Amino acid sequence: AKFINPAGLESLGYNLYRSTDASGEAVTGTPGLEGFGAVAQGFLEISNVQVVEEMVNMIIAQRAYEISSKAIETTDEMLRIANNIRR
């Protein structure tokens, strides 16, 4: 099925969607014709994720987390020292 406004579909989770007033009514047709997607039995869908790029992004995020964690630890230690000086 196709919709006039696919962005207007309501997500139900688990790749399920419900039509809404914003999406319009479902238009049905024959797969592979009239702009409808084709269905190929026995084929696997290829991933649309670039594994190397995502690994690099994960490493960058992990390093940013480590740096932030170290900054918080250092700040905590500085405050502890400042409190001890007052005493």
N, C-alpha and C. Protein backbone atom coordinates (compact mmCIF):
# COMPACT_ATOMS: atom_id res chain seq x y z
N ALA A 1 0.84 -1.18 0.00
CA ALA A 1 0.00 0.00 0.00
C ALA A 1 0.88 1.24 0.00
N LYS A 2 0.40 2.30 -0.63
CA LYS A 2 1.07 3.60 -0.62
C LYS A 2 0.15 4.60 0.07
N PHE A 3 0.76 5.69 0.53
CA PHE A 3 0.02 6.77 1.17
C PHE A 3 0.41 8.09 0.54
N ILE A 4 -0.53 9.02 0.48
CA ILE A 4 -0.26 10.34 -0.08
C ILE A 4 0.83 11.03 0.73
N ASN A 5 0.79 10.88 2.07
CA ASN A 5 1.76 11.50 2.96
C ASN A 5 2.28 10.44 3.93
N PRO A 6 3.32 9.67 3.55
CA PRO A 6 3.83 8.61 4.43
C PRO A 6 4.34 9.15 5.77
N ALA A 7 4.78 10.40 5.81
CA ALA A 7 5.27 10.99 7.06
C ALA A 7 4.14 11.14 8.08
N GLY A 8 2.89 11.11 7.63
CA GLY A 8 1.76 11.26 8.52
C GLY A 8 1.31 9.97 9.18
N LEU A 9 1.95 8.85 8.85
CA LEU A 9 1.59 7.57 9.48
C LEU A 9 1.95 7.58 10.95
N GLU A 10 1.15 6.93 11.77
CA GLU A 10 1.40 6.83 13.21
C GLU A 10 2.18 5.54 13.48
N SER A 11 3.35 5.68 14.12
CA SER A 11 4.18 4.52 14.44
C SER A 11 3.61 3.80 15.66
N LEU A 12 3.41 2.49 15.52
CA LEU A 12 2.92 1.66 16.61
C LEU A 12 4.06 0.85 17.24
N GLY A 13 5.26 0.93 16.68
CA GLY A 13 6.40 0.14 17.14
C GLY A 13 6.49 -1.17 16.39
N TYR A 14 7.64 -1.83 16.49
CA TYR A 14 7.88 -3.11 15.82
C TYR A 14 7.62 -3.03 14.32
N ASN A 15 7.97 -1.90 13.68
CA ASN A 15 7.77 -1.67 12.24
C ASN A 15 6.30 -1.71 11.81
N LEU A 16 5.40 -1.39 12.73
CA LEU A 16 3.98 -1.33 12.41
C LEU A 16 3.54 0.13 12.40
N TYR A 17 2.68 0.48 11.44
CA TYR A 17 2.19 1.85 11.31
C TYR A 17 0.68 1.83 11.11
N ARG A 18 0.03 2.92 11.50
CA ARG A 18 -1.41 3.07 11.35
C ARG A 18 -1.67 4.33 10.53
N SER A 19 -2.65 4.25 9.63
CA SER A 19 -2.99 5.44 8.84
C SER A 19 -3.69 6.46 9.73
N THR A 20 -3.50 7.72 9.41
CA THR A 20 -4.13 8.82 10.14
C THR A 20 -4.76 9.76 9.12
N ASP A 21 -5.43 10.78 9.61
CA ASP A 21 -5.98 11.79 8.70
C ASP A 21 -4.86 12.47 7.93
N ALA A 22 -3.71 12.65 8.59
CA ALA A 22 -2.57 13.32 7.94
C ALA A 22 -1.96 12.47 6.83
N SER A 23 -1.99 11.13 6.98
CA SER A 23 -1.37 10.26 5.98
C SER A 23 -2.29 10.01 4.79
N GLY A 24 -3.58 10.15 5.01
CA GLY A 24 -4.55 9.83 3.96
C GLY A 24 -4.85 8.34 3.95
N GLU A 25 -5.74 7.95 3.08
CA GLU A 25 -6.13 6.54 2.98
C GLU A 25 -5.07 5.74 2.23
N ALA A 26 -5.00 4.45 2.53
CA ALA A 26 -4.06 3.55 1.85
C ALA A 26 -4.51 3.33 0.41
N VAL A 27 -3.55 3.39 -0.51
CA VAL A 27 -3.81 3.11 -1.92
C VAL A 27 -3.13 1.78 -2.22
N THR A 28 -3.92 0.79 -2.62
CA THR A 28 -3.35 -0.54 -2.89
C THR A 28 -3.10 -0.70 -4.37
N GLY A 29 -2.20 -1.60 -4.70
CA GLY A 29 -1.87 -1.86 -6.10
C GLY A 29 -1.06 -3.13 -6.23
N THR A 30 -0.60 -3.40 -7.42
CA THR A 30 0.17 -4.60 -7.71
C THR A 30 1.66 -4.33 -7.48
N PRO A 31 2.34 -5.16 -6.67
CA PRO A 31 3.77 -4.97 -6.44
C PRO A 31 4.55 -4.97 -7.75
N GLY A 32 5.47 -4.02 -7.89
CA GLY A 32 6.29 -3.91 -9.08
C GLY A 32 5.68 -3.06 -10.18
N LEU A 33 4.42 -2.68 -10.03
CA LEU A 33 3.75 -1.85 -11.03
C LEU A 33 3.26 -0.55 -10.39
N GLU A 34 3.06 0.46 -11.18
CA GLU A 34 2.47 1.73 -10.74
C GLU A 34 3.21 2.36 -9.56
N GLY A 35 4.53 2.17 -9.49
CA GLY A 35 5.31 2.78 -8.42
C GLY A 35 5.28 2.04 -7.10
N PHE A 36 4.67 0.87 -7.07
CA PHE A 36 4.66 0.07 -5.85
C PHE A 36 5.94 -0.75 -5.79
N GLY A 37 6.43 -1.01 -4.59
CA GLY A 37 7.67 -1.78 -4.42
C GLY A 37 7.50 -3.21 -4.89
N ALA A 38 8.61 -3.84 -5.24
CA ALA A 38 8.58 -5.23 -5.68
C ALA A 38 8.88 -6.15 -4.50
N VAL A 39 8.29 -7.32 -4.53
CA VAL A 39 8.54 -8.34 -3.51
C VAL A 39 9.33 -9.46 -4.18
N ALA A 40 10.49 -9.81 -3.61
CA ALA A 40 11.32 -10.86 -4.18
C ALA A 40 11.45 -11.99 -3.17
N GLN A 41 10.86 -13.12 -3.48
CA GLN A 41 10.88 -14.26 -2.57
C GLN A 41 12.27 -14.89 -2.54
N GLY A 42 12.74 -15.25 -1.33
CA GLY A 42 14.01 -15.93 -1.18
C GLY A 42 15.22 -15.02 -1.17
N PHE A 43 15.03 -13.71 -1.19
CA PHE A 43 16.13 -12.76 -1.16
C PHE A 43 16.26 -12.14 0.22
N LEU A 44 17.46 -11.73 0.56
CA LEU A 44 17.70 -11.05 1.83
C LEU A 44 17.85 -9.56 1.57
N GLU A 45 17.31 -8.76 2.48
CA GLU A 45 17.47 -7.32 2.36
C GLU A 45 18.86 -6.96 2.86
N ILE A 46 19.57 -6.16 2.08
CA ILE A 46 20.92 -5.76 2.45
C ILE A 46 20.84 -4.64 3.48
N SER A 47 21.73 -4.68 4.44
CA SER A 47 21.77 -3.66 5.49
C SER A 47 22.08 -2.30 4.89
N ASN A 48 21.45 -1.27 5.45
CA ASN A 48 21.71 0.09 4.99
C ASN A 48 22.63 0.82 5.97
N VAL A 49 23.39 0.06 6.76
CA VAL A 49 24.30 0.64 7.75
C VAL A 49 25.74 0.44 7.27
N GLN A 50 26.54 1.50 7.35
CA GLN A 50 27.96 1.42 7.03
C GLN A 50 28.69 1.01 8.31
N VAL A 51 29.09 -0.24 8.41
CA VAL A 51 29.65 -0.79 9.65
C VAL A 51 30.89 -0.02 10.09
N VAL A 52 31.81 0.25 9.19
CA VAL A 52 33.05 0.94 9.56
C VAL A 52 32.74 2.33 10.09
N GLU A 53 31.87 3.04 9.42
CA GLU A 53 31.50 4.40 9.86
C GLU A 53 30.85 4.37 11.25
N GLU A 54 29.99 3.40 11.49
CA GLU A 54 29.33 3.30 12.79
C GLU A 54 30.31 2.90 13.89
N MET A 55 31.29 2.07 13.58
CA MET A 55 32.32 1.72 14.57
C MET A 55 33.14 2.95 14.93
N VAL A 56 33.50 3.76 13.93
CA VAL A 56 34.24 4.99 14.19
C VAL A 56 33.41 5.92 15.07
N ASN A 57 32.13 6.06 14.76
CA ASN A 57 31.25 6.91 15.58
C ASN A 57 31.15 6.39 17.01
N MET A 58 31.10 5.06 17.17
CA MET A 58 31.03 4.49 18.51
C MET A 58 32.31 4.77 19.30
N ILE A 59 33.47 4.65 18.64
CA ILE A 59 34.74 4.92 19.31
C ILE A 59 34.83 6.38 19.71
N ILE A 60 34.39 7.28 18.83
CA ILE A 60 34.39 8.71 19.14
C ILE A 60 33.49 8.99 20.35
N ALA A 61 32.31 8.39 20.36
CA ALA A 61 31.38 8.59 21.49
C ALA A 61 31.97 8.03 22.78
N GLN A 62 32.62 6.88 22.69
CA GLN A 62 33.22 6.26 23.87
C GLN A 62 34.33 7.13 24.43
N ARG A 63 35.16 7.70 23.57
CA ARG A 63 36.25 8.57 24.03
C ARG A 63 35.70 9.85 24.63
N ALA A 64 34.65 10.40 24.03
CA ALA A 64 34.03 11.61 24.59
C ALA A 64 33.47 11.32 25.98
N TYR A 65 32.87 10.15 26.14
CA TYR A 65 32.35 9.74 27.45
C TYR A 65 33.48 9.62 28.47
N GLU A 66 34.58 8.98 28.06
CA GLU A 66 35.72 8.82 28.96
C GLU A 66 36.28 10.18 29.39
N ILE A 67 36.41 11.11 28.44
CA ILE A 67 36.92 12.45 28.76
C ILE A 67 35.99 13.17 29.72
N SER A 68 34.69 13.08 29.46
CA SER A 68 33.71 13.73 30.35
C SER A 68 33.77 13.12 31.74
N SER A 69 33.89 11.81 31.81
CA SER A 69 33.96 11.13 33.10
C SER A 69 35.22 11.55 33.86
N LYS A 70 36.33 11.66 33.16
CA LYS A 70 37.58 12.08 33.80
C LYS A 70 37.47 13.53 34.29
N ALA A 71 36.81 14.40 33.52
CA ALA A 71 36.62 15.80 33.94
C ALA A 71 35.79 15.87 35.21
N ILE A 72 34.76 15.05 35.30
CA ILE A 72 33.91 15.03 36.50
C ILE A 72 34.71 14.52 37.70
N GLU A 73 35.50 13.48 37.50
CA GLU A 73 36.34 12.96 38.59
C GLU A 73 37.33 14.02 39.07
N THR A 74 37.95 14.75 38.14
CA THR A 74 38.92 15.79 38.49
C THR A 74 38.24 16.92 39.26
N THR A 75 37.06 17.33 38.80
CA THR A 75 36.31 18.38 39.49
C THR A 75 35.95 17.94 40.90
N ASP A 76 35.51 16.71 41.04
CA ASP A 76 35.17 16.16 42.36
C ASP A 76 36.39 16.17 43.28
N GLU A 77 37.54 15.78 42.74
CA GLU A 77 38.77 15.77 43.54
C GLU A 77 39.17 17.19 43.95
N MET A 78 39.03 18.16 43.04
CA MET A 78 39.36 19.55 43.36
C MET A 78 38.45 20.09 44.46
N LEU A 79 37.17 19.77 44.40
CA LEU A 79 36.23 20.21 45.44
C LEU A 79 36.56 19.56 46.78
N ARG A 80 36.95 18.29 46.75
CA ARG A 80 37.33 17.60 47.98
C ARG A 80 38.56 18.28 48.61
N ILE A 81 39.55 18.64 47.80
CA ILE A 81 40.75 19.32 48.29
C ILE A 81 40.39 20.68 48.86
N ALA A 82 39.51 21.43 48.15
CA ALA A 82 39.09 22.75 48.62
C ALA A 82 38.37 22.65 49.96
N ASN A 83 37.55 21.64 50.13
CA ASN A 83 36.85 21.44 51.41
C ASN A 83 37.83 21.11 52.52
N ASN A 84 38.87 20.35 52.23
CA ASN A 84 39.87 20.00 53.24
C ASN A 84 40.71 21.21 53.64
N ILE A 85 40.95 22.14 52.70
CA ILE A 85 41.73 23.35 53.01
C ILE A 85 40.98 24.22 54.00
N ARG A 86 39.66 24.31 53.86
CA ARG A 86 38.84 25.13 54.76
C ARG A 86 38.92 24.65 56.20
N ARG A 87 39.11 23.40 56.42
CA ARG A 87 39.08 22.82 57.77
C ARG A 87 40.33 23.11 58.46
